[in-house]
Amino acid sequence: MSIKEILEELPRLTPEERQELRDWLAADEFAETDELIAAVDEGIRSAQSGSSLSIEEAKELIHKCALRSASALKQGKI
């Protein structure tokens, strides 16, 4: 999943789901790349659109991005 796709989905989170996602991100062990942080920040900024996404869907999207970021970090790409 691309960052663009994640950014498109993040605005659907409710405020409570955004906080749960923040907590999950803070507790999970993966590389917090600039790309990942920017994607989360942009999603939070645009979340006021009124759309929603379940926390499980958001976790899955973020997890996929984090795995990709971790892989790129291990390969020296970032």
PDB file of N, CA and C in Angstrom:
ATOM      1  N   MET A   1       0.844  -1.165   0.000  1.00  0.00           N
ATOM      2  CA  MET A   1       0.000   0.000   0.000  1.00  0.00           C
ATOM      3  C   MET A   1       0.892   1.231   0.000  1.00  0.00           C
ATOM      4  N   SER A   2       0.531   2.184  -0.786  1.00  0.00           N
ATOM      5  CA  SER A   2       1.340   3.399  -0.887  1.00  0.00           C
ATOM      6  C   SER A   2       0.967   4.405   0.195  1.00  0.00           C
ATOM      7  N   ILE A   3       1.864   5.338   0.410  1.00  0.00           N
ATOM      8  CA  ILE A   3       1.592   6.423   1.353  1.00  0.00           C
ATOM      9  C   ILE A   3       0.357   7.191   0.903  1.00  0.00           C
ATOM     10  N   LYS A   4       0.231   7.400  -0.382  1.00  0.00           N
ATOM     11  CA  LYS A   4      -0.932   8.123  -0.910  1.00  0.00           C
ATOM     12  C   LYS A   4      -2.226   7.416  -0.513  1.00  0.00           C
ATOM     13  N   GLU A   5      -2.252   6.107  -0.630  1.00  0.00           N
ATOM     14  CA  GLU A   5      -3.445   5.345  -0.264  1.00  0.00           C
ATOM     15  C   GLU A   5      -3.732   5.451   1.229  1.00  0.00           C
ATOM     16  N   ILE A   6      -2.682   5.410   2.021  1.00  0.00           N
ATOM     17  CA  ILE A   6      -2.856   5.548   3.468  1.00  0.00           C
ATOM     18  C   ILE A   6      -3.408   6.930   3.796  1.00  0.00           C
ATOM     19  N   LEU A   7      -2.839   7.944   3.166  1.00  0.00           N
ATOM     20  CA  LEU A   7      -3.298   9.311   3.404  1.00  0.00           C
ATOM     21  C   LEU A   7      -4.769   9.483   3.029  1.00  0.00           C
ATOM     22  N   GLU A   8      -5.190   8.798   2.000  1.00  0.00           N
ATOM     23  CA  GLU A   8      -6.590   8.883   1.586  1.00  0.00           C
ATOM     24  C   GLU A   8      -7.528   8.243   2.606  1.00  0.00           C
ATOM     25  N   GLU A   9      -7.044   7.275   3.339  1.00  0.00           N
ATOM     26  CA  GLU A   9      -7.867   6.564   4.312  1.00  0.00           C
ATOM     27  C   GLU A   9      -7.846   7.193   5.705  1.00  0.00           C
ATOM     28  N   LEU A  10      -6.761   7.796   6.101  1.00  0.00           N
ATOM     29  CA  LEU A  10      -6.645   8.351   7.448  1.00  0.00           C
ATOM     30  C   LEU A  10      -7.714   9.385   7.803  1.00  0.00           C
ATOM     31  N   PRO A  11      -8.176  10.196   6.877  1.00  0.00           N
ATOM     32  CA  PRO A  11      -9.189  11.193   7.249  1.00  0.00           C
ATOM     33  C   PRO A  11     -10.505  10.589   7.742  1.00  0.00           C
ATOM     34  N   ARG A  12     -10.700   9.340   7.509  1.00  0.00           N
ATOM     35  CA  ARG A  12     -11.942   8.688   7.930  1.00  0.00           C
ATOM     36  C   ARG A  12     -11.959   8.300   9.408  1.00  0.00           C
ATOM     37  N   LEU A  13     -10.836   8.450  10.080  1.00  0.00           N
ATOM     38  CA  LEU A  13     -10.763   8.092  11.496  1.00  0.00           C
ATOM     39  C   LEU A  13     -11.520   9.100  12.357  1.00  0.00           C
ATOM     40  N   THR A  14     -12.165   8.582  13.383  1.00  0.00           N
ATOM     41  CA  THR A  14     -12.794   9.450  14.366  1.00  0.00           C
ATOM     42  C   THR A  14     -11.700   9.969  15.294  1.00  0.00           C
ATOM     43  N   PRO A  15     -11.956  11.015  16.087  1.00  0.00           N
ATOM     44  CA  PRO A  15     -10.941  11.490  17.022  1.00  0.00           C
ATOM     45  C   PRO A  15     -10.455  10.391  17.977  1.00  0.00           C
ATOM     46  N   GLU A  16     -11.366   9.561  18.436  1.00  0.00           N
ATOM     47  CA  GLU A  16     -10.985   8.472  19.339  1.00  0.00           C
ATOM     48  C   GLU A  16     -10.099   7.458  18.632  1.00  0.00           C
ATOM     49  N   GLU A  17     -10.414   7.155  17.388  1.00  0.00           N
ATOM     50  CA  GLU A  17      -9.605   6.211  16.631  1.00  0.00           C
ATOM     51  C   GLU A  17      -8.222   6.793  16.328  1.00  0.00           C
ATOM     52  N   ARG A  18      -8.157   8.102  16.060  1.00  0.00           N
ATOM     53  CA  ARG A  18      -6.854   8.738  15.838  1.00  0.00           C
ATOM     54  C   ARG A  18      -5.981   8.617  17.086  1.00  0.00           C
ATOM     55  N   GLN A  19      -6.597   8.820  18.264  1.00  0.00           N
ATOM     56  CA  GLN A  19      -5.823   8.696  19.498  1.00  0.00           C
ATOM     57  C   GLN A  19      -5.373   7.257  19.700  1.00  0.00           C
ATOM     58  N   GLU A  20      -6.241   6.305  19.427  1.00  0.00           N
ATOM     59  CA  GLU A  20      -5.870   4.901  19.556  1.00  0.00           C
ATOM     60  C   GLU A  20      -4.726   4.559  18.585  1.00  0.00           C
ATOM     61  N   LEU A  21      -4.802   5.114  17.382  1.00  0.00           N
ATOM     62  CA  LEU A  21      -3.738   4.892  16.412  1.00  0.00           C
ATOM     63  C   LEU A  21      -2.428   5.503  16.894  1.00  0.00           C
ATOM     64  N   ARG A  22      -2.482   6.719  17.449  1.00  0.00           N
ATOM     65  CA  ARG A  22      -1.277   7.341  18.000  1.00  0.00           C
ATOM     66  C   ARG A  22      -0.667   6.459  19.086  1.00  0.00           C
ATOM     67  N   ASP A  23      -1.524   5.958  19.976  1.00  0.00           N
ATOM     68  CA  ASP A  23      -1.049   5.084  21.054  1.00  0.00           C
ATOM     69  C   ASP A  23      -0.420   3.823  20.491  1.00  0.00           C
ATOM     70  N   TRP A  24      -1.057   3.238  19.505  1.00  0.00           N
ATOM     71  CA  TRP A  24      -0.542   2.017  18.883  1.00  0.00           C
ATOM     72  C   TRP A  24       0.803   2.287  18.217  1.00  0.00           C
ATOM     73  N   LEU A  25       0.902   3.409  17.504  1.00  0.00           N
ATOM     74  CA  LEU A  25       2.146   3.743  16.840  1.00  0.00           C
ATOM     75  C   LEU A  25       3.270   3.958  17.850  1.00  0.00           C
ATOM     76  N   ALA A  26       2.942   4.595  18.955  1.00  0.00           N
ATOM     77  CA  ALA A  26       3.946   4.867  19.974  1.00  0.00           C
ATOM     78  C   ALA A  26       4.447   3.576  20.627  1.00  0.00           C
ATOM     79  N   ALA A  27       3.591   2.579  20.731  1.00  0.00           N
ATOM     80  CA  ALA A  27       3.944   1.332  21.404  1.00  0.00           C
ATOM     81  C   ALA A  27       4.597   0.320  20.468  1.00  0.00           C
ATOM     82  N   ASP A  28       4.365   0.430  19.179  1.00  0.00           N
ATOM     83  CA  ASP A  28       4.872  -0.551  18.224  1.00  0.00           C
ATOM     84  C   ASP A  28       6.346  -0.298  17.947  1.00  0.00           C
ATOM     85  N   GLU A  29       7.072  -1.352  17.657  1.00  0.00           N
ATOM     86  CA  GLU A  29       8.496  -1.226  17.395  1.00  0.00           C
ATOM     87  C   GLU A  29       8.760  -1.335  15.905  1.00  0.00           C
ATOM     88  N   PHE A  30       8.945  -0.203  15.267  1.00  0.00           N
ATOM     89  CA  PHE A  30       9.323  -0.137  13.870  1.00  0.00           C
ATOM     90  C   PHE A  30       9.982   1.208  13.609  1.00  0.00           C
ATOM     91  N   ALA A  31      10.611   1.318  12.464  1.00  0.00           N
ATOM     92  CA  ALA A  31      11.310   2.554  12.120  1.00  0.00           C
ATOM     93  C   ALA A  31      10.302   3.655  11.803  1.00  0.00           C
ATOM     94  N   GLU A  32      10.387   4.740  12.528  1.00  0.00           N
ATOM     95  CA  GLU A  32       9.531   5.891  12.273  1.00  0.00           C
ATOM     96  C   GLU A  32      10.236   6.787  11.262  1.00  0.00           C
ATOM     97  N   THR A  33      10.005   6.501  10.003  1.00  0.00           N
ATOM     98  CA  THR A  33      10.649   7.271   8.947  1.00  0.00           C
ATOM     99  C   THR A  33       9.928   8.596   8.753  1.00  0.00           C
ATOM    100  N   ASP A  34      10.598   9.519   8.093  1.00  0.00           N
ATOM    101  CA  ASP A  34       9.962  10.794   7.765  1.00  0.00           C
ATOM    102  C   ASP A  34       8.701  10.573   6.934  1.00  0.00           C
ATOM    103  N   GLU A  35       8.755   9.601   6.043  1.00  0.00           N
ATOM    104  CA  GLU A  35       7.615   9.289   5.179  1.00  0.00           C
ATOM    105  C   GLU A  35       6.414   8.840   6.014  1.00  0.00           C
ATOM    106  N   LEU A  36       6.646   7.956   6.966  1.00  0.00           N
ATOM    107  CA  LEU A  36       5.560   7.458   7.801  1.00  0.00           C
ATOM    108  C   LEU A  36       4.987   8.566   8.678  1.00  0.00           C
ATOM    109  N   ILE A  37       5.850   9.328   9.303  1.00  0.00           N
ATOM    110  CA  ILE A  37       5.394  10.417  10.157  1.00  0.00           C
ATOM    111  C   ILE A  37       4.607  11.441   9.352  1.00  0.00           C
ATOM    112  N   ALA A  38       5.074  11.764   8.162  1.00  0.00           N
ATOM    113  CA  ALA A  38       4.358  12.709   7.306  1.00  0.00           C
ATOM    114  C   ALA A  38       2.983  12.174   6.923  1.00  0.00           C
ATOM    115  N   ALA A  39       2.900  10.872   6.647  1.00  0.00           N
ATOM    116  CA  ALA A  39       1.613  10.270   6.283  1.00  0.00           C
ATOM    117  C   ALA A  39       0.628  10.340   7.441  1.00  0.00           C
ATOM    118  N   VAL A  40       1.086  10.029   8.624  1.00  0.00           N
ATOM    119  CA  VAL A  40       0.213  10.084   9.796  1.00  0.00           C
ATOM    120  C   VAL A  40      -0.197  11.527  10.082  1.00  0.00           C
ATOM    121  N   ASP A  41       0.762  12.444  10.034  1.00  0.00           N
ATOM    122  CA  ASP A  41       0.448  13.850  10.280  1.00  0.00           C
ATOM    123  C   ASP A  41      -0.566  14.394   9.280  1.00  0.00           C
ATOM    124  N   GLU A  42      -0.370  14.084   8.023  1.00  0.00           N
ATOM    125  CA  GLU A  42      -1.302  14.554   6.999  1.00  0.00           C
ATOM    126  C   GLU A  42      -2.688  13.957   7.208  1.00  0.00           C
ATOM    127  N   GLY A  43      -2.743  12.696   7.549  1.00  0.00           N
ATOM    128  CA  GLY A  43      -4.034  12.060   7.812  1.00  0.00           C
ATOM    129  C   GLY A  43      -4.757  12.705   8.975  1.00  0.00           C
ATOM    130  N   ILE A  44      -4.032  13.016  10.017  1.00  0.00           N
ATOM    131  CA  ILE A  44      -4.640  13.669  11.176  1.00  0.00           C
ATOM    132  C   ILE A  44      -5.143  15.051  10.801  1.00  0.00           C
ATOM    133  N   ARG A  45      -4.323  15.807  10.038  1.00  0.00           N
ATOM    134  CA  ARG A  45      -4.743  17.157   9.627  1.00  0.00           C
ATOM    135  C   ARG A  45      -6.001  17.129   8.771  1.00  0.00           C
ATOM    136  N   SER A  46      -6.143  16.120   7.945  1.00  0.00           N
ATOM    137  CA  SER A  46      -7.293  16.075   7.042  1.00  0.00           C
ATOM    138  C   SER A  46      -8.477  15.294   7.613  1.00  0.00           C
ATOM    139  N   ALA A  47      -8.366  14.810   8.834  1.00  0.00           N
ATOM    140  CA  ALA A  47      -9.403  13.965   9.425  1.00  0.00           C
ATOM    141  C   ALA A  47     -10.710  14.693   9.706  1.00  0.00           C
ATOM    142  N   GLN A  48     -10.718  15.976   9.630  1.00  0.00           N
ATOM    143  CA  GLN A  48     -11.930  16.727   9.921  1.00  0.00           C
ATOM    144  C   GLN A  48     -12.941  16.666   8.778  1.00  0.00           C
ATOM    145  N   SER A  49     -12.685  15.880   7.779  1.00  0.00           N
ATOM    146  CA  SER A  49     -13.591  15.783   6.634  1.00  0.00           C
ATOM    147  C   SER A  49     -14.895  15.063   6.967  1.00  0.00           C
ATOM    148  N   GLY A  50     -14.944  14.382   8.103  1.00  0.00           N
ATOM    149  CA  GLY A  50     -16.170  13.703   8.509  1.00  0.00           C
ATOM    150  C   GLY A  50     -16.253  12.256   8.068  1.00  0.00           C
ATOM    151  N   SER A  51     -15.331  11.790   7.252  1.00  0.00           N
ATOM    152  CA  SER A  51     -15.319  10.387   6.842  1.00  0.00           C
ATOM    153  C   SER A  51     -14.827   9.537   8.002  1.00  0.00           C
ATOM    154  N   SER A  52     -15.027   8.235   7.915  1.00  0.00           N
ATOM    155  CA  SER A  52     -14.534   7.376   8.987  1.00  0.00           C
ATOM    156  C   SER A  52     -13.945   6.089   8.435  1.00  0.00           C
ATOM    157  N   LEU A  53     -13.025   5.538   9.196  1.00  0.00           N
ATOM    158  CA  LEU A  53     -12.344   4.294   8.884  1.00  0.00           C
ATOM    159  C   LEU A  53     -12.198   3.575  10.213  1.00  0.00           C
ATOM    160  N   SER A  54     -12.432   2.279  10.232  1.00  0.00           N
ATOM    161  CA  SER A  54     -12.306   1.569  11.503  1.00  0.00           C
ATOM    162  C   SER A  54     -10.854   1.567  11.954  1.00  0.00           C
ATOM    163  N   ILE A  55     -10.652   1.468  13.238  1.00  0.00           N
ATOM    164  CA  ILE A  55      -9.296   1.467  13.774  1.00  0.00           C
ATOM    165  C   ILE A  55      -8.527   0.250  13.280  1.00  0.00           C
ATOM    166  N   GLU A  56      -9.202  -0.857  13.107  1.00  0.00           N
ATOM    167  CA  GLU A  56      -8.527  -2.057  12.600  1.00  0.00           C
ATOM    168  C   GLU A  56      -8.037  -1.838  11.170  1.00  0.00           C
ATOM    169  N   GLU A  57      -8.850  -1.186  10.342  1.00  0.00           N
ATOM    170  CA  GLU A  57      -8.417  -0.897   8.974  1.00  0.00           C
ATOM    171  C   GLU A  57      -7.228   0.058   8.987  1.00  0.00           C
ATOM    172  N   ALA A  58      -7.277   1.054   9.830  1.00  0.00           N
ATOM    173  CA  ALA A  58      -6.181   2.016   9.923  1.00  0.00           C
ATOM    174  C   ALA A  58      -4.911   1.333  10.422  1.00  0.00           C
ATOM    175  N   LYS A  59      -5.042   0.484  11.434  1.00  0.00           N
ATOM    176  CA  LYS A  59      -3.877  -0.238  11.943  1.00  0.00           C
ATOM    177  C   LYS A  59      -3.232  -1.069  10.840  1.00  0.00           C
ATOM    178  N   GLU A  60      -4.044  -1.737  10.062  1.00  0.00           N
ATOM    179  CA  GLU A  60      -3.525  -2.571   8.982  1.00  0.00           C
ATOM    180  C   GLU A  60      -2.787  -1.719   7.952  1.00  0.00           C
ATOM    181  N   LEU A  61      -3.345  -0.591   7.585  1.00  0.00           N
ATOM    182  CA  LEU A  61      -2.695   0.293   6.616  1.00  0.00           C
ATOM    183  C   LEU A  61      -1.360   0.805   7.152  1.00  0.00           C
ATOM    184  N   ILE A  62      -1.351   1.245   8.386  1.00  0.00           N
ATOM    185  CA  ILE A  62      -0.136   1.782   8.986  1.00  0.00           C
ATOM    186  C   ILE A  62       0.903   0.671   9.166  1.00  0.00           C
ATOM    187  N   HIS A  63       0.450  -0.504   9.564  1.00  0.00           N
ATOM    188  CA  HIS A  63       1.370  -1.625   9.745  1.00  0.00           C
ATOM    189  C   HIS A  63       2.062  -1.971   8.427  1.00  0.00           C
ATOM    190  N   LYS A  64       1.317  -2.013   7.350  1.00  0.00           N
ATOM    191  CA  LYS A  64       1.908  -2.311   6.047  1.00  0.00           C
ATOM    192  C   LYS A  64       2.942  -1.262   5.669  1.00  0.00           C
ATOM    193  N   CYS A  65       2.617  -0.015   5.910  1.00  0.00           N
ATOM    194  CA  CYS A  65       3.555   1.062   5.609  1.00  0.00           C
ATOM    195  C   CYS A  65       4.798   0.934   6.482  1.00  0.00           C
ATOM    196  N   ALA A  66       4.606   0.625   7.755  1.00  0.00           N
ATOM    197  CA  ALA A  66       5.729   0.491   8.675  1.00  0.00           C
ATOM    198  C   ALA A  66       6.638  -0.659   8.261  1.00  0.00           C
ATOM    199  N   LEU A  67       6.060  -1.765   7.842  1.00  0.00           N
ATOM    200  CA  LEU A  67       6.865  -2.896   7.386  1.00  0.00           C
ATOM    201  C   LEU A  67       7.694  -2.519   6.172  1.00  0.00           C
ATOM    202  N   ARG A  68       7.070  -1.799   5.268  1.00  0.00           N
ATOM    203  CA  ARG A  68       7.787  -1.355   4.075  1.00  0.00           C
ATOM    204  C   ARG A  68       8.914  -0.404   4.454  1.00  0.00           C
ATOM    205  N   SER A  69       8.641   0.492   5.379  1.00  0.00           N
ATOM    206  CA  SER A  69       9.657   1.433   5.834  1.00  0.00           C
ATOM    207  C   SER A  69      10.800   0.702   6.531  1.00  0.00           C
ATOM    208  N   ALA A  70      10.475  -0.266   7.372  1.00  0.00           N
ATOM    209  CA  ALA A  70      11.501  -1.034   8.063  1.00  0.00           C
ATOM    210  C   ALA A  70      12.363  -1.800   7.076  1.00  0.00           C
ATOM    211  N   SER A  71      11.748  -2.353   6.062  1.00  0.00           N
ATOM    212  CA  SER A  71      12.481  -3.082   5.039  1.00  0.00           C
ATOM    213  C   SER A  71      13.436  -2.141   4.294  1.00  0.00           C
ATOM    214  N   ALA A  72      12.947  -0.965   3.949  1.00  0.00           N
ATOM    215  CA  ALA A  72      13.787   0.006   3.259  1.00  0.00           C
ATOM    216  C   ALA A  72      14.943   0.449   4.143  1.00  0.00           C
ATOM    217  N   LEU A  73      14.688   0.588   5.437  1.00  0.00           N
ATOM    218  CA  LEU A  73      15.740   0.975   6.376  1.00  0.00           C
ATOM    219  C   LEU A  73      16.814  -0.104   6.436  1.00  0.00           C
ATOM    220  N   LYS A  74      16.409  -1.356   6.531  1.00  0.00           N
ATOM    221  CA  LYS A  74      17.367  -2.462   6.585  1.00  0.00           C
ATOM    222  C   LYS A  74      18.210  -2.555   5.315  1.00  0.00           C
ATOM    223  N   GLN A  75      17.599  -2.181   4.185  1.00  0.00           N
ATOM    224  CA  GLN A  75      18.307  -2.248   2.912  1.00  0.00           C
ATOM    225  C   GLN A  75      19.151  -1.002   2.663  1.00  0.00           C
ATOM    226  N   GLY A  76      19.117  -0.068   3.600  1.00  0.00           N
ATOM    227  CA  GLY A  76      19.908   1.146   3.462  1.00  0.00           C
ATOM    228  C   GLY A  76      19.331   2.155   2.508  1.00  0.00           C
ATOM    229  N   LYS A  77      18.072   2.009   2.181  1.00  0.00           N
ATOM    230  CA  LYS A  77      17.427   2.930   1.246  1.00  0.00           C
ATOM    231  C   LYS A  77      16.980   4.214   1.911  1.00  0.00           C
ATOM    232  N   ILE A  78      16.894   4.195   3.233  1.00  0.00           N
ATOM    233  CA  ILE A  78      16.515   5.409   3.967  1.00  0.00           C
ATOM    234  C   ILE A  78      17.448   5.594   5.145  1.00  0.00           C
TER     235      ILE A  78
END
